[in-house]
N, C-alpha and C. Protein backbone atom coordinates (compact mmCIF):
# COMPACT_ATOMS: atom_id res chain seq x y z
N MET A 1 0.84 -1.18 0.00
CA MET A 1 0.00 0.00 0.00
C MET A 1 0.89 1.25 0.00
N LEU A 2 0.61 2.19 -0.88
CA LEU A 2 1.38 3.41 -0.97
C LEU A 2 0.79 4.49 -0.10
N LYS A 3 1.67 5.30 0.48
CA LYS A 3 1.22 6.43 1.28
C LYS A 3 1.73 7.71 0.63
N ASN A 4 0.91 8.72 0.66
CA ASN A 4 1.33 10.02 0.16
C ASN A 4 2.04 10.76 1.29
N ALA A 5 3.22 11.27 0.99
CA ALA A 5 3.97 12.03 1.98
C ALA A 5 4.15 13.45 1.49
N LYS A 6 4.13 14.37 2.39
CA LYS A 6 4.32 15.78 2.04
C LYS A 6 5.56 16.29 2.77
N ALA A 7 6.35 17.04 2.04
CA ALA A 7 7.56 17.60 2.64
C ALA A 7 7.19 18.75 3.56
N GLY A 8 7.80 18.77 4.71
CA GLY A 8 7.55 19.84 5.66
C GLY A 8 8.47 21.02 5.44
N SER A 9 9.61 20.77 4.83
CA SER A 9 10.55 21.86 4.57
C SER A 9 11.49 21.46 3.44
N ILE A 10 12.11 22.46 2.88
CA ILE A 10 13.07 22.25 1.81
C ILE A 10 14.44 22.71 2.32
N VAL A 11 15.45 21.89 2.12
CA VAL A 11 16.79 22.24 2.58
C VAL A 11 17.61 22.68 1.38
N LEU A 12 18.19 23.87 1.48
CA LEU A 12 19.04 24.41 0.43
C LEU A 12 20.47 24.56 0.95
N PRO A 13 21.46 24.34 0.10
CA PRO A 13 22.84 24.51 0.55
C PRO A 13 23.15 25.99 0.77
N LYS A 14 24.12 26.25 1.61
CA LYS A 14 24.56 27.63 1.84
C LYS A 14 25.45 28.02 0.66
N LEU A 15 24.93 28.79 -0.25
CA LEU A 15 25.64 29.12 -1.47
C LEU A 15 26.86 30.00 -1.20
N GLY A 16 26.81 30.82 -0.17
CA GLY A 16 27.95 31.65 0.17
C GLY A 16 29.16 30.80 0.53
N ASP A 17 28.93 29.74 1.30
CA ASP A 17 30.01 28.84 1.68
C ASP A 17 30.55 28.12 0.46
N MET A 18 29.66 27.71 -0.44
CA MET A 18 30.07 27.00 -1.64
C MET A 18 30.93 27.92 -2.53
N ARG A 19 30.51 29.16 -2.66
CA ARG A 19 31.25 30.12 -3.48
C ARG A 19 32.65 30.34 -2.90
N GLU A 20 32.74 30.49 -1.59
CA GLU A 20 34.03 30.70 -0.93
C GLU A 20 34.94 29.50 -1.13
N ASN A 21 34.39 28.31 -1.05
CA ASN A 21 35.16 27.08 -1.22
C ASN A 21 35.72 27.00 -2.64
N ILE A 22 34.88 27.27 -3.63
CA ILE A 22 35.32 27.23 -5.03
C ILE A 22 36.37 28.30 -5.28
N GLN A 23 36.15 29.50 -4.74
CA GLN A 23 37.11 30.59 -4.91
C GLN A 23 38.47 30.21 -4.33
N SER A 24 38.48 29.57 -3.18
CA SER A 24 39.73 29.14 -2.56
C SER A 24 40.47 28.13 -3.42
N LYS A 25 39.72 27.22 -4.02
CA LYS A 25 40.34 26.22 -4.90
C LYS A 25 40.92 26.86 -6.15
N ILE A 26 40.19 27.81 -6.73
CA ILE A 26 40.70 28.50 -7.91
C ILE A 26 41.97 29.27 -7.56
N GLN A 27 41.97 29.93 -6.42
CA GLN A 27 43.16 30.69 -5.99
C GLN A 27 44.34 29.76 -5.77
N ALA A 28 44.12 28.60 -5.19
CA ALA A 28 45.20 27.64 -4.97
C ALA A 28 45.78 27.16 -6.29
N ILE A 29 44.93 26.93 -7.28
CA ILE A 29 45.42 26.51 -8.60
C ILE A 29 46.24 27.62 -9.23
N ALA A 30 45.74 28.85 -9.14
CA ALA A 30 46.47 30.00 -9.71
C ALA A 30 47.83 30.17 -9.04
N GLU A 31 47.90 30.02 -7.73
CA GLU A 31 49.17 30.15 -7.01
C GLU A 31 50.15 29.05 -7.41
N ALA A 32 49.63 27.86 -7.65
CA ALA A 32 50.51 26.74 -8.05
C ALA A 32 51.03 26.94 -9.47
N LYS A 33 50.18 27.46 -10.36
CA LYS A 33 50.58 27.66 -11.75
C LYS A 33 51.52 28.84 -11.92
N TYR A 34 51.28 29.90 -11.16
CA TYR A 34 52.05 31.14 -11.31
C TYR A 34 52.56 31.64 -9.96
N PRO A 35 53.49 30.90 -9.36
CA PRO A 35 54.00 31.32 -8.04
C PRO A 35 54.74 32.65 -8.13
N GLY A 36 54.49 33.51 -7.17
CA GLY A 36 55.21 34.77 -7.08
C GLY A 36 54.67 35.90 -7.94
N SER A 37 53.63 35.67 -8.71
CA SER A 37 53.08 36.72 -9.56
C SER A 37 51.59 36.91 -9.26
N VAL A 38 51.31 37.80 -8.33
CA VAL A 38 49.93 38.02 -7.89
C VAL A 38 49.06 38.53 -9.04
N GLU A 39 49.60 39.41 -9.86
CA GLU A 39 48.83 39.98 -10.97
C GLU A 39 48.39 38.88 -11.95
N ILE A 40 49.30 38.00 -12.32
CA ILE A 40 48.96 36.91 -13.24
C ILE A 40 48.00 35.93 -12.57
N GLN A 41 48.17 35.68 -11.28
CA GLN A 41 47.25 34.81 -10.55
C GLN A 41 45.83 35.37 -10.60
N GLN A 42 45.70 36.67 -10.40
CA GLN A 42 44.39 37.30 -10.42
C GLN A 42 43.76 37.22 -11.80
N LYS A 43 44.56 37.44 -12.84
CA LYS A 43 44.04 37.34 -14.21
C LYS A 43 43.60 35.91 -14.51
N TYR A 44 44.40 34.94 -14.09
CA TYR A 44 44.05 33.53 -14.31
C TYR A 44 42.74 33.20 -13.60
N ALA A 45 42.62 33.62 -12.33
CA ALA A 45 41.42 33.31 -11.55
C ALA A 45 40.18 33.93 -12.19
N LYS A 46 40.31 35.17 -12.67
CA LYS A 46 39.17 35.83 -13.31
C LYS A 46 38.78 35.10 -14.59
N GLN A 47 39.77 34.74 -15.39
CA GLN A 47 39.50 34.01 -16.63
C GLN A 47 38.83 32.67 -16.32
N TYR A 48 39.33 31.99 -15.31
CA TYR A 48 38.78 30.68 -14.94
C TYR A 48 37.32 30.81 -14.51
N ARG A 49 37.03 31.80 -13.65
CA ARG A 49 35.65 32.00 -13.19
C ARG A 49 34.73 32.30 -14.36
N THR A 50 35.21 33.11 -15.30
CA THR A 50 34.41 33.44 -16.47
C THR A 50 34.19 32.22 -17.35
N SER A 51 35.19 31.36 -17.44
CA SER A 51 35.10 30.19 -18.32
C SER A 51 34.11 29.15 -17.82
N ILE A 52 33.78 29.18 -16.54
CA ILE A 52 32.80 28.21 -16.05
C ILE A 52 31.41 28.84 -16.11
N ASN A 53 31.07 29.26 -17.32
CA ASN A 53 29.76 29.78 -17.66
C ASN A 53 29.38 31.07 -16.93
N GLY A 54 30.37 31.83 -16.50
CA GLY A 54 30.07 33.10 -15.86
C GLY A 54 29.44 32.96 -14.50
N VAL A 55 29.44 31.78 -13.95
CA VAL A 55 28.80 31.53 -12.66
C VAL A 55 29.40 32.39 -11.56
N MET A 56 30.72 32.53 -11.60
CA MET A 56 31.39 33.28 -10.54
C MET A 56 32.12 34.50 -11.08
N SER A 57 31.76 35.00 -12.23
CA SER A 57 32.49 36.12 -12.80
C SER A 57 32.28 37.37 -11.96
N ASP A 58 33.26 38.24 -12.02
CA ASP A 58 33.21 39.48 -11.24
C ASP A 58 32.36 40.52 -11.92
């Protein structure tokens, strides 16, 4: 016998935390690729964010 169930609440992820986590990973990749050059790291990170469909573009 099937029972109908109704959701009492909807759980959504904390998008701010997710954004910060992704940004940290992008920064770590940029630092590994271009050590010692903050300007190039920033350009790489911006290009990378834009390349993932503009999801995190500035």
